[in-house]
Amino acid sequence: MHFGRKNDNLGFPSLDMEEQDPQTRKMPLHELPQSHQMEMALSVVRAFHPHIADAIDRFWGFQECSDYLKKLIFDGADPKSHTRAGFRPEVLSALLSLQSFHVVTMR
Protein backbone atom coordinates (compact mmCIF):
# COMPACT_ATOMS: atom_id res chain seq x y z
CA MET A 1 0.00 0.00 0.00
CA HIS A 2 1.26 3.49 -0.84
CA PHE A 3 0.37 6.58 1.15
CA GLY A 4 -1.16 9.41 -0.82
CA ARG A 5 -3.08 7.16 -3.20
CA LYS A 6 -6.72 6.31 -2.88
CA ASN A 7 -7.31 2.79 -1.65
CA ASP A 8 -10.36 1.84 -3.70
CA ASN A 9 -11.04 -1.16 -1.48
CA LEU A 10 -11.57 1.01 1.60
CA GLY A 11 -12.80 4.23 0.00
CA PHE A 12 -10.46 6.52 1.96
CA PRO A 13 -9.51 9.83 0.32
CA SER A 14 -5.96 10.58 -0.68
CA LEU A 15 -3.59 11.93 1.97
CA ASP A 16 -1.45 13.73 -0.58
CA MET A 17 -1.18 17.31 0.72
CA GLU A 18 0.01 18.61 -2.66
CA GLU A 19 -3.43 17.98 -4.13
CA GLN A 20 -5.04 20.54 -1.78
CA ASP A 21 -5.53 24.13 -2.80
CA PRO A 22 -2.80 26.03 -0.89
CA GLN A 23 -5.24 28.87 -0.18
CA THR A 24 -7.48 26.59 1.86
CA ARG A 25 -4.88 24.87 4.05
CA LYS A 26 -4.64 25.83 7.70
CA MET A 27 -1.87 28.30 8.35
CA PRO A 28 0.81 26.88 10.67
CA LEU A 29 1.13 28.69 13.98
CA HIS A 30 4.59 30.06 13.18
CA GLU A 31 3.21 31.69 10.00
CA LEU A 32 0.47 33.61 11.80
CA PRO A 33 1.09 37.32 12.43
CA GLN A 34 3.09 37.90 15.60
CA SER A 35 0.26 39.90 17.18
CA HIS A 36 -2.09 36.94 16.71
CA GLN A 37 0.48 34.52 18.16
CA MET A 38 0.85 36.82 21.18
CA GLU A 39 -2.93 36.98 21.68
CA MET A 40 -3.18 33.19 21.48
CA ALA A 41 -0.37 32.70 24.01
CA LEU A 42 -1.88 35.25 26.40
CA SER A 43 -5.30 33.59 26.09
CA VAL A 44 -3.76 30.27 27.20
CA VAL A 45 -2.22 31.95 30.25
CA ARG A 46 -5.49 33.77 30.97
CA ALA A 47 -7.47 30.51 30.86
CA PHE A 48 -5.47 29.03 33.76
CA HIS A 49 -3.97 32.07 35.52
CA PRO A 50 -5.96 35.26 34.87
CA HIS A 51 -3.99 37.30 37.40
CA ILE A 52 -0.73 36.44 35.63
CA ALA A 53 -2.23 37.46 32.27
CA ASP A 54 -3.41 40.74 33.83
CA ALA A 55 0.10 41.43 35.13
CA ILE A 56 1.63 40.67 31.72
CA ASP A 57 -0.88 43.06 30.10
CA ARG A 58 -0.08 45.75 32.64
CA PHE A 59 3.72 45.55 32.34
CA TRP A 60 4.03 44.71 28.61
CA GLY A 61 6.73 46.82 27.01
CA PHE A 62 8.60 47.48 30.25
CA GLN A 63 11.66 45.71 31.69
CA GLU A 64 9.50 44.59 34.62
CA CYS A 65 7.52 42.35 32.25
CA SER A 66 10.69 40.55 31.14
CA ASP A 67 11.77 40.14 34.75
CA TYR A 68 8.33 38.82 35.72
CA LEU A 69 8.20 36.34 32.83
CA LYS A 70 11.72 35.08 33.58
CA LYS A 71 10.83 34.60 37.24
CA LEU A 72 7.68 32.66 36.32
CA ILE A 73 9.53 30.49 33.82
CA PHE A 74 12.55 29.72 35.96
CA ASP A 75 10.72 29.36 39.28
CA GLY A 76 8.10 27.23 37.57
CA ALA A 77 5.22 28.26 39.80
CA ASP A 78 2.38 30.69 40.09
CA PRO A 79 3.27 33.15 42.88
CA LYS A 80 -0.36 33.26 44.09
CA SER A 81 -0.69 29.48 44.24
CA HIS A 82 1.96 28.42 46.72
CA THR A 83 0.81 24.79 46.74
CA ARG A 84 1.54 23.96 43.09
CA ALA A 85 4.91 23.23 41.59
CA GLY A 86 5.19 24.15 37.94
CA PHE A 87 2.81 25.10 35.18
CA ARG A 88 0.85 22.98 32.76
CA PRO A 89 2.92 22.36 29.60
CA GLU A 90 0.66 24.58 27.48
CA VAL A 91 1.00 27.45 29.96
CA LEU A 92 4.78 27.10 30.10
CA SER A 93 4.92 27.06 26.31
CA ALA A 94 2.77 30.22 26.18
CA LEU A 95 4.98 31.96 28.76
CA LEU A 96 8.08 31.08 26.75
CA SER A 97 6.46 32.44 23.60
CA LEU A 98 5.47 35.64 25.35
CA GLN A 99 9.00 36.02 26.71
CA SER A 100 10.48 35.69 23.22
CA PHE A 101 7.95 38.17 21.77
CA HIS A 102 8.68 40.61 24.57
CA VAL A 103 12.42 40.46 23.93
CA VAL A 104 11.77 41.38 20.30
CA THR A 105 9.41 44.19 21.39
CA MET A 106 12.03 45.66 23.72
CA ARG A 107 14.69 45.97 20.97
PDB file of N, CA and C in Angstrom:
ATOM      1  N   MET A   1       0.848  -1.178   0.000  1.00  0.00           N
ATOM      2  CA  MET A   1       0.000   0.000   0.000  1.00  0.00           C
ATOM      3  C   MET A   1       0.891   1.237   0.000  1.00  0.00           C
ATOM      4  N   HIS A   2       0.510   2.246  -0.766  1.00  0.00           N
ATOM      5  CA  HIS A   2       1.259   3.490  -0.841  1.00  0.00           C
ATOM      6  C   HIS A   2       0.421   4.607  -0.236  1.00  0.00           C
ATOM      7  N   PHE A   3       1.070   5.442   0.592  1.00  0.00           N
ATOM      8  CA  PHE A   3       0.371   6.585   1.153  1.00  0.00           C
ATOM      9  C   PHE A   3       0.184   7.625   0.061  1.00  0.00           C
ATOM     10  N   GLY A   4      -0.895   8.360   0.139  1.00  0.00           N
ATOM     11  CA  GLY A   4      -1.158   9.411  -0.824  1.00  0.00           C
ATOM     12  C   GLY A   4      -1.999   8.954  -2.007  1.00  0.00           C
ATOM     13  N   ARG A   5      -2.229   7.685  -2.119  1.00  0.00           N
ATOM     14  CA  ARG A   5      -3.076   7.163  -3.197  1.00  0.00           C
ATOM     15  C   ARG A   5      -4.376   6.640  -2.602  1.00  0.00           C
ATOM     16  N   LYS A   6      -5.422   6.776  -3.355  1.00  0.00           N
ATOM     17  CA  LYS A   6      -6.716   6.307  -2.877  1.00  0.00           C
ATOM     18  C   LYS A   6      -6.748   4.783  -2.873  1.00  0.00           C
ATOM     19  N   ASN A   7      -7.151   4.238  -1.760  1.00  0.00           N
ATOM     20  CA  ASN A   7      -7.313   2.795  -1.649  1.00  0.00           C
ATOM     21  C   ASN A   7      -8.767   2.503  -2.001  1.00  0.00           C
ATOM     22  N   ASP A   8      -8.990   2.065  -3.229  1.00  0.00           N
ATOM     23  CA  ASP A   8     -10.357   1.844  -3.699  1.00  0.00           C
ATOM     24  C   ASP A   8     -11.097   0.800  -2.874  1.00  0.00           C
ATOM     25  N   ASN A   9     -10.381  -0.119  -2.267  1.00  0.00           N
ATOM     26  CA  ASN A   9     -11.035  -1.158  -1.477  1.00  0.00           C
ATOM     27  C   ASN A   9     -11.678  -0.592  -0.218  1.00  0.00           C
ATOM     28  N   LEU A  10     -11.055   0.445   0.354  1.00  0.00           N
ATOM     29  CA  LEU A  10     -11.567   1.010   1.598  1.00  0.00           C
ATOM     30  C   LEU A  10     -12.327   2.312   1.395  1.00  0.00           C
ATOM     31  N   GLY A  11     -12.087   2.999   0.289  1.00  0.00           N
ATOM     32  CA  GLY A  11     -12.799   4.232   0.003  1.00  0.00           C
ATOM     33  C   GLY A  11     -12.255   5.448   0.717  1.00  0.00           C
ATOM     34  N   PHE A  12     -11.046   5.372   1.280  1.00  0.00           N
ATOM     35  CA  PHE A  12     -10.460   6.521   1.962  1.00  0.00           C
ATOM     36  C   PHE A  12      -9.933   7.528   0.953  1.00  0.00           C
ATOM     37  N   PRO A  13     -10.050   8.819   1.233  1.00  0.00           N
ATOM     38  CA  PRO A  13      -9.508   9.828   0.318  1.00  0.00           C
ATOM     39  C   PRO A  13      -7.984   9.849   0.384  1.00  0.00           C
ATOM     40  N   SER A  14      -7.400  10.465  -0.590  1.00  0.00           N
ATOM     41  CA  SER A  14      -5.957  10.584  -0.678  1.00  0.00           C
ATOM     42  C   SER A  14      -5.423  11.458   0.460  1.00  0.00           C
ATOM     43  N   LEU A  15      -4.245  11.137   0.937  1.00  0.00           N
ATOM     44  CA  LEU A  15      -3.593  11.928   1.970  1.00  0.00           C
ATOM     45  C   LEU A  15      -2.528  12.843   1.380  1.00  0.00           C
ATOM     46  N   ASP A  16      -2.454  12.922   0.096  1.00  0.00           N
ATOM     47  CA  ASP A  16      -1.451  13.726  -0.581  1.00  0.00           C
ATOM     48  C   ASP A  16      -1.776  15.204  -0.382  1.00  0.00           C
ATOM     49  N   MET A  17      -0.944  15.907   0.398  1.00  0.00           N
ATOM     50  CA  MET A  17      -1.183  17.313   0.719  1.00  0.00           C
ATOM     51  C   MET A  17      -0.985  18.225  -0.496  1.00  0.00           C
ATOM     52  N   GLU A  18      -0.236  17.779  -1.485  1.00  0.00           N
ATOM     53  CA  GLU A  18       0.011  18.614  -2.660  1.00  0.00           C
ATOM     54  C   GLU A  18      -1.235  18.780  -3.509  1.00  0.00           C
ATOM     55  N   GLU A  19      -2.196  17.893  -3.354  1.00  0.00           N
ATOM     56  CA  GLU A  19      -3.429  17.984  -4.129  1.00  0.00           C
ATOM     57  C   GLU A  19      -4.349  19.085  -3.618  1.00  0.00           C
ATOM     58  N   GLN A  20      -4.167  19.522  -2.363  1.00  0.00           N
ATOM     59  CA  GLN A  20      -5.037  20.537  -1.781  1.00  0.00           C
ATOM     60  C   GLN A  20      -4.711  21.908  -2.347  1.00  0.00           C
ATOM     61  N   ASP A  21      -5.711  22.752  -2.392  1.00  0.00           N
ATOM     62  CA  ASP A  21      -5.532  24.132  -2.795  1.00  0.00           C
ATOM     63  C   ASP A  21      -4.766  24.831  -1.676  1.00  0.00           C
ATOM     64  N   PRO A  22      -3.593  25.419  -1.952  1.00  0.00           N
ATOM     65  CA  PRO A  22      -2.797  26.035  -0.888  1.00  0.00           C
ATOM     66  C   PRO A  22      -3.508  27.192  -0.189  1.00  0.00           C
ATOM     67  N   GLN A  23      -4.522  27.777  -0.823  1.00  0.00           N
ATOM     68  CA  GLN A  23      -5.243  28.875  -0.185  1.00  0.00           C
ATOM     69  C   GLN A  23      -6.209  28.387   0.884  1.00  0.00           C
ATOM     70  N   THR A  24      -6.514  27.090   0.896  1.00  0.00           N
ATOM     71  CA  THR A  24      -7.478  26.590   1.865  1.00  0.00           C
ATOM     72  C   THR A  24      -6.832  25.823   3.008  1.00  0.00           C
ATOM     73  N   ARG A  25      -5.516  25.609   2.970  1.00  0.00           N
ATOM     74  CA  ARG A  25      -4.875  24.874   4.052  1.00  0.00           C
ATOM     75  C   ARG A  25      -4.792  25.751   5.300  1.00  0.00           C
ATOM     76  N   LYS A  26      -4.791  25.097   6.444  1.00  0.00           N
ATOM     77  CA  LYS A  26      -4.645  25.828   7.702  1.00  0.00           C
ATOM     78  C   LYS A  26      -3.248  26.423   7.757  1.00  0.00           C
ATOM     79  N   MET A  27      -3.160  27.642   8.234  1.00  0.00           N
ATOM     80  CA  MET A  27      -1.875  28.296   8.352  1.00  0.00           C
ATOM     81  C   MET A  27      -1.168  27.779   9.606  1.00  0.00           C
ATOM     82  N   PRO A  28       0.081  27.330   9.488  1.00  0.00           N
ATOM     83  CA  PRO A  28       0.810  26.875  10.666  1.00  0.00           C
ATOM     84  C   PRO A  28       0.983  28.026  11.660  1.00  0.00           C
ATOM     85  N   LEU A  29       1.052  27.691  12.930  1.00  0.00           N
ATOM     86  CA  LEU A  29       1.133  28.693  13.982  1.00  0.00           C
ATOM     87  C   LEU A  29       2.274  29.677  13.755  1.00  0.00           C
ATOM     88  N   HIS A  30       3.436  29.170  13.336  1.00  0.00           N
ATOM     89  CA  HIS A  30       4.587  30.062  13.176  1.00  0.00           C
ATOM     90  C   HIS A  30       4.429  31.029  12.006  1.00  0.00           C
ATOM     91  N   GLU A  31       3.450  30.790  11.122  1.00  0.00           N
ATOM     92  CA  GLU A  31       3.209  31.694   9.998  1.00  0.00           C
ATOM     93  C   GLU A  31       2.154  32.750  10.308  1.00  0.00           C
ATOM     94  N   LEU A  32       1.468  32.616  11.425  1.00  0.00           N
ATOM     95  CA  LEU A  32       0.466  33.609  11.800  1.00  0.00           C
ATOM     96  C   LEU A  32       1.163  34.916  12.171  1.00  0.00           C
ATOM     97  N   PRO A  33       0.484  36.045  12.019  1.00  0.00           N
ATOM     98  CA  PRO A  33       1.088  37.318  12.428  1.00  0.00           C
ATOM     99  C   PRO A  33       1.481  37.267  13.904  1.00  0.00           C
ATOM    100  N   GLN A  34       2.579  37.933  14.223  1.00  0.00           N
ATOM    101  CA  GLN A  34       3.092  37.904  15.596  1.00  0.00           C
ATOM    102  C   GLN A  34       2.045  38.385  16.596  1.00  0.00           C
ATOM    103  N   SER A  35       1.273  39.393  16.244  1.00  0.00           N
ATOM    104  CA  SER A  35       0.256  39.897  17.178  1.00  0.00           C
ATOM    105  C   SER A  35      -0.781  38.816  17.490  1.00  0.00           C
ATOM    106  N   HIS A  36      -1.123  38.024  16.494  1.00  0.00           N
ATOM    107  CA  HIS A  36      -2.091  36.938  16.711  1.00  0.00           C
ATOM    108  C   HIS A  36      -1.472  35.838  17.577  1.00  0.00           C
ATOM    109  N   GLN A  37      -0.210  35.517  17.336  1.00  0.00           N
ATOM    110  CA  GLN A  37       0.477  34.520  18.156  1.00  0.00           C
ATOM    111  C   GLN A  37       0.530  34.980  19.614  1.00  0.00           C
ATOM    112  N   MET A  38       0.803  36.274  19.815  1.00  0.00           N
ATOM    113  CA  MET A  38       0.851  36.815  21.181  1.00  0.00           C
ATOM    114  C   MET A  38      -0.515  36.713  21.856  1.00  0.00           C
ATOM    115  N   GLU A  39      -1.569  37.061  21.126  1.00  0.00           N
ATOM    116  CA  GLU A  39      -2.928  36.977  21.682  1.00  0.00           C
ATOM    117  C   GLU A  39      -3.279  35.542  22.059  1.00  0.00           C
ATOM    118  N   MET A  40      -2.897  34.602  21.204  1.00  0.00           N
ATOM    119  CA  MET A  40      -3.184  33.193  21.484  1.00  0.00           C
ATOM    120  C   MET A  40      -2.434  32.724  22.732  1.00  0.00           C
ATOM    121  N   ALA A  41      -1.160  33.098  22.843  1.00  0.00           N
ATOM    122  CA  ALA A  41      -0.366  32.703  24.008  1.00  0.00           C
ATOM    123  C   ALA A  41      -0.948  33.317  25.282  1.00  0.00           C
ATOM    124  N   LEU A  42      -1.312  34.590  25.216  1.00  0.00           N
ATOM    125  CA  LEU A  42      -1.879  35.246  26.398  1.00  0.00           C
ATOM    126  C   LEU A  42      -3.227  34.638  26.770  1.00  0.00           C
ATOM    127  N   SER A  43      -4.003  34.200  25.782  1.00  0.00           N
ATOM    128  CA  SER A  43      -5.300  33.589  26.095  1.00  0.00           C
ATOM    129  C   SER A  43      -5.115  32.248  26.813  1.00  0.00           C
ATOM    130  N   VAL A  44      -4.051  31.518  26.488  1.00  0.00           N
ATOM    131  CA  VAL A  44      -3.756  30.266  27.200  1.00  0.00           C
ATOM    132  C   VAL A  44      -3.423  30.575  28.655  1.00  0.00           C
ATOM    133  N   VAL A  45      -2.573  31.562  28.877  1.00  0.00           N
ATOM    134  CA  VAL A  45      -2.217  31.945  30.249  1.00  0.00           C
ATOM    135  C   VAL A  45      -3.464  32.408  30.990  1.00  0.00           C
ATOM    136  N   ARG A  46      -4.280  33.231  30.328  1.00  0.00           N
ATOM    137  CA  ARG A  46      -5.491  33.767  30.967  1.00  0.00           C
ATOM    138  C   ARG A  46      -6.472  32.661  31.356  1.00  0.00           C
ATOM    139  N   ALA A  47      -6.537  31.607  30.574  1.00  0.00           N
ATOM    140  CA  ALA A  47      -7.469  30.511  30.858  1.00  0.00           C
ATOM    141  C   ALA A  47      -7.151  29.822  32.182  1.00  0.00           C
ATOM    142  N   PHE A  48      -5.876  29.741  32.543  1.00  0.00           N
ATOM    143  CA  PHE A  48      -5.475  29.030  33.757  1.00  0.00           C
ATOM    144  C   PHE A  48      -5.032  29.961  34.889  1.00  0.00           C
ATOM    145  N   HIS A  49      -4.514  31.137  34.523  1.00  0.00           N
ATOM    146  CA  HIS A  49      -3.969  32.067  35.520  1.00  0.00           C
ATOM    147  C   HIS A  49      -4.307  33.500  35.120  1.00  0.00           C
ATOM    148  N   PRO A  50      -5.553  33.925  35.319  1.00  0.00           N
ATOM    149  CA  PRO A  50      -5.957  35.260  34.869  1.00  0.00           C
ATOM    150  C   PRO A  50      -5.158  36.395  35.497  1.00  0.00           C
ATOM    151  N   HIS A  51      -4.751  36.231  36.752  1.00  0.00           N
ATOM    152  CA  HIS A  51      -3.990  37.296  37.402  1.00  0.00           C
ATOM    153  C   HIS A  51      -2.593  37.447  36.789  1.00  0.00           C
ATOM    154  N   ILE A  52      -2.019  36.363  36.306  1.00  0.00           N
ATOM    155  CA  ILE A  52      -0.726  36.440  35.627  1.00  0.00           C
ATOM    156  C   ILE A  52      -0.905  37.141  34.279  1.00  0.00           C
ATOM    157  N   ALA A  53      -1.960  36.802  33.548  1.00  0.00           N
ATOM    158  CA  ALA A  53      -2.227  37.464  32.267  1.00  0.00           C
ATOM    159  C   ALA A  53      -2.468  38.958  32.463  1.00  0.00           C
ATOM    160  N   ASP A  54      -3.177  39.322  33.537  1.00  0.00           N
ATOM    161  CA  ASP A  54      -3.410  40.737  33.830  1.00  0.00           C
ATOM    162  C   ASP A  54      -2.088  41.458  34.104  1.00  0.00           C
ATOM    163  N   ALA A  55      -1.198  40.820  34.843  1.00  0.00           N
ATOM    164  CA  ALA A  55       0.099  41.429  35.134  1.00  0.00           C
ATOM    165  C   ALA A  55       0.922  41.589  33.863  1.00  0.00           C
ATOM    166  N   ILE A  56       0.895  40.587  32.995  1.00  0.00           N
ATOM    167  CA  ILE A  56       1.627  40.672  31.724  1.00  0.00           C
ATOM    168  C   ILE A  56       1.065  41.823  30.890  1.00  0.00           C
ATOM    169  N   ASP A  57      -0.252  41.939  30.820  1.00  0.00           N
ATOM    170  CA  ASP A  57      -0.885  43.060  30.102  1.00  0.00           C
ATOM    171  C   ASP A  57      -0.420  44.402  30.659  1.00  0.00           C
ATOM    172  N   ARG A  58      -0.409  44.506  31.963  1.00  0.00           N
ATOM    173  CA  ARG A  58      -0.075  45.754  32.640  1.00  0.00           C
ATOM    174  C   ARG A  58       1.368  46.175  32.402  1.00  0.00           C
ATOM    175  N   PHE A  59       2.293  45.215  32.420  1.00  0.00           N
ATOM    176  CA  PHE A  59       3.717  45.548  32.338  1.00  0.00           C
ATOM    177  C   PHE A  59       4.315  45.358  30.949  1.00  0.00           C
ATOM    178  N   TRP A  60       3.505  44.969  29.952  1.00  0.00           N
ATOM    179  CA  TRP A  60       4.032  44.707  28.610  1.00  0.00           C
ATOM    180  C   TRP A  60       4.760  45.949  28.077  1.00  0.00           C
ATOM    181  N   GLY A  61       5.939  45.729  27.563  1.00  0.00           N
ATOM    182  CA  GLY A  61       6.734  46.823  27.007  1.00  0.00           C
ATOM    183  C   GLY A  61       7.735  47.416  27.980  1.00  0.00           C
ATOM    184  N   PHE A  62       7.675  46.992  29.235  1.00  0.00           N
ATOM    185  CA  PHE A  62       8.603  47.479  30.253  1.00  0.00           C
ATOM    186  C   PHE A  62       9.535  46.346  30.696  1.00  0.00           C
ATOM    187  N   GLN A  63      10.689  46.697  31.211  1.00  0.00           N
ATOM    188  CA  GLN A  63      11.661  45.712  31.690  1.00  0.00           C
ATOM    189  C   GLN A  63      11.052  44.815  32.777  1.00  0.00           C
ATOM    190  N   GLU A  64      10.141  45.367  33.562  1.00  0.00           N
ATOM    191  CA  GLU A  64       9.497  44.589  34.621  1.00  0.00           C
ATOM    192  C   GLU A  64       8.758  43.366  34.072  1.00  0.00           C
ATOM    193  N   CYS A  65       8.226  43.478  32.865  1.00  0.00           N
ATOM    194  CA  CYS A  65       7.525  42.350  32.253  1.00  0.00           C
ATOM    195  C   CYS A  65       8.511  41.224  31.950  1.00  0.00           C
ATOM    196  N   SER A  66       9.661  41.568  31.398  1.00  0.00           N
ATOM    197  CA  SER A  66      10.693  40.551  31.139  1.00  0.00           C
ATOM    198  C   SER A  66      11.128  39.882  32.428  1.00  0.00           C
ATOM    199  N   ASP A  67      11.354  40.693  33.451  1.00  0.00           N
ATOM    200  CA  ASP A  67      11.771  40.144  34.748  1.00  0.00           C
ATOM    201  C   ASP A  67      10.705  39.209  35.312  1.00  0.00           C
ATOM    202  N   TYR A  68       9.444  39.620  35.211  1.00  0.00           N
ATOM    203  CA  TYR A  68       8.329  38.821  35.718  1.00  0.00           C
ATOM    204  C   TYR A  68       8.211  37.497  34.962  1.00  0.00           C
ATOM    205  N   LEU A  69       8.285  37.563  33.633  1.00  0.00           N
ATOM    206  CA  LEU A  69       8.201  36.340  32.825  1.00  0.00           C
ATOM    207  C   LEU A  69       9.353  35.396  33.134  1.00  0.00           C
ATOM    208  N   LYS A  70      10.557  35.930  33.253  1.00  0.00           N
ATOM    209  CA  LYS A  70      11.716  35.084  33.584  1.00  0.00           C
ATOM    210  C   LYS A  70      11.527  34.411  34.930  1.00  0.00           C
ATOM    211  N   LYS A  71      11.042  35.170  35.905  1.00  0.00           N
ATOM    212  CA  LYS A  71      10.829  34.601  37.235  1.00  0.00           C
ATOM    213  C   LYS A  71       9.790  33.476  37.182  1.00  0.00           C
ATOM    214  N   LEU A  72       8.707  33.700  36.456  1.00  0.00           N
ATOM    215  CA  LEU A  72       7.684  32.663  36.322  1.00  0.00           C
ATOM    216  C   LEU A  72       8.251  31.415  35.657  1.00  0.00           C
ATOM    217  N   ILE A  73       8.993  31.609  34.580  1.00  0.00           N
ATOM    218  CA  ILE A  73       9.530  30.485  33.815  1.00  0.00           C
ATOM    219  C   ILE A  73      10.555  29.707  34.628  1.00  0.00           C
ATOM    220  N   PHE A  74      11.478  30.415  35.249  1.00  0.00           N
ATOM    221  CA  PHE A  74      12.550  29.722  35.958  1.00  0.00           C
ATOM    222  C   PHE A  74      12.138  29.187  37.320  1.00  0.00           C
ATOM    223  N   ASP A  75      11.217  29.873  37.998  1.00  0.00           N
ATOM    224  CA  ASP A  75      10.723  29.358  39.282  1.00  0.00           C
ATOM    225  C   ASP A  75       9.723  28.232  39.055  1.00  0.00           C
ATOM    226  N   GLY A  76       9.032  28.287  37.928  1.00  0.00           N
ATOM    227  CA  GLY A  76       8.100  27.225  37.573  1.00  0.00           C
ATOM    228  C   GLY A  76       6.853  27.160  38.417  1.00  0.00           C
ATOM    229  N   ALA A  77       6.427  28.281  38.978  1.00  0.00           N
ATOM    230  CA  ALA A  77       5.222  28.255  39.803  1.00  0.00           C
ATOM    231  C   ALA A  77       4.500  29.585  39.743  1.00  0.00           C
ATOM    232  N   ASP A  78       3.224  29.517  39.997  1.00  0.00           N
ATOM    233  CA  ASP A  78       2.376  30.690  40.090  1.00  0.00           C
ATOM    234  C   ASP A  78       2.581  31.290  41.478  1.00  0.00           C
ATOM    235  N   PRO A  79       3.015  32.561  41.568  1.00  0.00           N
ATOM    236  CA  PRO A  79       3.274  33.150  42.878  1.00  0.00           C
ATOM    237  C   PRO A  79       2.054  33.201  43.800  1.00  0.00           C
ATOM    238  N   LYS A  80       0.844  33.220  43.248  1.00  0.00           N
ATOM    239  CA  LYS A  80      -0.361  33.260  44.094  1.00  0.00           C
ATOM    240  C   LYS A  80      -0.819  31.881  44.525  1.00  0.00           C
ATOM    241  N   SER A  81      -0.285  30.851  43.907  1.00  0.00           N
ATOM    242  CA  SER A  81      -0.688  29.482  44.235  1.00  0.00           C
ATOM    243  C   SER A  81       0.519  28.747  44.810  1.00  0.00           C
ATOM    244  N   HIS A  82       0.757  28.944  46.068  1.00  0.00           N
ATOM    245  CA  HIS A  82       1.962  28.416  46.716  1.00  0.00           C
ATOM    246  C   HIS A  82       1.981  26.897  46.818  1.00  0.00           C
ATOM    247  N   THR A  83       0.862  26.248  46.585  1.00  0.00           N
ATOM    248  CA  THR A  83       0.811  24.791  46.742  1.00  0.00           C
ATOM    249  C   THR A  83       1.208  24.035  45.481  1.00  0.00           C
ATOM    250  N   ARG A  84       1.218  24.681  44.326  1.00  0.00           N
ATOM    251  CA  ARG A  84       1.538  23.959  43.093  1.00  0.00           C
ATOM    252  C   ARG A  84       2.989  24.163  42.686  1.00  0.00           C
ATOM    253  N   ALA A  85       3.536  23.160  42.085  1.00  0.00           N
ATOM    254  CA  ALA A  85       4.908  23.228  41.590  1.00  0.00           C
ATOM    255  C   ALA A  85       4.871  23.108  40.078  1.00  0.00           C
ATOM    256  N   GLY A  86       5.134  24.179  39.396  1.00  0.00           N
ATOM    257  CA  GLY A  86       5.189  24.153  37.944  1.00  0.00           C
ATOM    258  C   GLY A  86       3.877  24.519  37.285  1.00  0.00           C
ATOM    259  N   PHE A  87       3.976  24.760  35.995  1.00  0.00           N
ATOM    260  CA  PHE A  87       2.815  25.105  35.182  1.00  0.00           C
ATOM    261  C   PHE A  87       2.465  23.937  34.272  1.00  0.00           C
ATOM    262  N   ARG A  88       1.242  23.935  33.794  1.00  0.00           N
ATOM    263  CA  ARG A  88       0.852  22.982  32.757  1.00  0.00           C
ATOM    264  C   ARG A  88       1.760  23.220  31.551  1.00  0.00           C
ATOM    265  N   PRO A  89       2.032  22.186  30.764  1.00  0.00           N
ATOM    266  CA  PRO A  89       2.916  22.362  29.596  1.00  0.00           C
ATOM    267  C   PRO A  89       2.461  23.456  28.634  1.00  0.00           C
ATOM    268  N   GLU A  90       1.144  23.564  28.403  1.00  0.00           N
ATOM    269  CA  GLU A  90       0.660  24.583  27.482  1.00  0.00           C
ATOM    270  C   GLU A  90       0.854  25.998  28.026  1.00  0.00           C
ATOM    271  N   VAL A  91       0.777  26.148  29.346  1.00  0.00           N
ATOM    272  CA  VAL A  91       0.997  27.455  29.958  1.00  0.00           C
ATOM    273  C   VAL A  91       2.479  27.810  29.882  1.00  0.00           C
ATOM    274  N   LEU A  92       3.341  26.852  30.187  1.00  0.00           N
ATOM    275  CA  LEU A  92       4.776  27.104  30.099  1.00  0.00           C
ATOM    276  C   LEU A  92       5.173  27.472  28.672  1.00  0.00           C
ATOM    277  N   SER A  93       4.636  26.755  27.709  1.00  0.00           N
ATOM    278  CA  SER A  93       4.915  27.064  26.305  1.00  0.00           C
ATOM    279  C   SER A  93       4.457  28.481  25.958  1.00  0.00           C
ATOM    280  N   ALA A  94       3.286  28.867  26.435  1.00  0.00           N
ATOM    281  CA  ALA A  94       2.766  30.218  26.182  1.00  0.00           C
ATOM    282  C   ALA A  94       3.646  31.271  26.837  1.00  0.00           C
ATOM    283  N   LEU A  95       4.097  31.018  28.070  1.00  0.00           N
ATOM    284  CA  LEU A  95       4.978  31.962  28.760  1.00  0.00           C
ATOM    285  C   LEU A  95       6.299  32.119  28.009  1.00  0.00           C
ATOM    286  N   LEU A  96       6.838  31.016  27.523  1.00  0.00           N
ATOM    287  CA  LEU A  96       8.083  31.076  26.754  1.00  0.00           C
ATOM    288  C   LEU A  96       7.881  31.878  25.466  1.00  0.00           C
ATOM    289  N   SER A  97       6.765  31.677  24.815  1.00  0.00           N
ATOM    290  CA  SER A  97       6.465  32.443  23.600  1.00  0.00           C
ATOM    291  C   SER A  97       6.347  33.929  23.913  1.00  0.00           C
ATOM    292  N   LEU A  98       5.625  34.239  24.965  1.00  0.00           N
ATOM    293  CA  LEU A  98       5.465  35.641  25.350  1.00  0.00           C
ATOM    294  C   LEU A  98       6.820  36.273  25.692  1.00  0.00           C
ATOM    295  N   GLN A  99       7.675  35.515  26.370  1.00  0.00           N
ATOM    296  CA  GLN A  99       9.003  36.022  26.708  1.00  0.00           C
ATOM    297  C   GLN A  99       9.784  36.337  25.432  1.00  0.00           C
ATOM    298  N   SER A 100       9.741  35.439  24.454  1.00  0.00           N
ATOM    299  CA  SER A 100      10.482  35.694  23.217  1.00  0.00           C
ATOM    300  C   SER A 100       9.896  36.880  22.443  1.00  0.00           C
ATOM    301  N   PHE A 101       8.567  37.020  22.431  1.00  0.00           N
ATOM    302  CA  PHE A 101       7.954  38.169  21.773  1.00  0.00           C
ATOM    303  C   PHE A 101       8.326  39.466  22.491  1.00  0.00           C
ATOM    304  N   HIS A 102       8.369  39.399  23.811  1.00  0.00           N
ATOM    305  CA  HIS A 102       8.676  40.605  24.574  1.00  0.00           C
ATOM    306  C   HIS A 102      10.120  41.048  24.336  1.00  0.00           C
ATOM    307  N   VAL A 103      11.023  40.115  24.222  1.00  0.00           N
ATOM    308  CA  VAL A 103      12.421  40.461  23.935  1.00  0.00           C
ATOM    309  C   VAL A 103      12.505  41.204  22.609  1.00  0.00           C
ATOM    310  N   VAL A 104      11.773  40.730  21.608  1.00  0.00           N
ATOM    311  CA  VAL A 104      11.766  41.377  20.299  1.00  0.00           C
ATOM    312  C   VAL A 104      11.145  42.775  20.409  1.00  0.00           C
ATOM    313  N   THR A 105      10.090  42.911  21.203  1.00  0.00           N
ATOM    314  CA  THR A 105       9.415  44.192  21.391  1.00  0.00           C
ATOM    315  C   THR A 105      10.329  45.224  22.041  1.00  0.00           C
ATOM    316  N   MET A 106      11.167  44.761  22.960  1.00  0.00           N
ATOM    317  CA  MET A 106      12.033  45.663  23.723  1.00  0.00           C
ATOM    318  C   MET A 106      13.219  46.158  22.903  1.00  0.00           C
ATOM    319  N   ARG A 107      13.528  45.541  21.780  1.00  0.00           N
ATOM    320  CA  ARG A 107      14.690  45.971  20.969  1.00  0.00           C
ATOM    321  C   ARG A 107      14.439  47.267  20.283  1.00  0.00           C
TER     322      ARG A 107
END
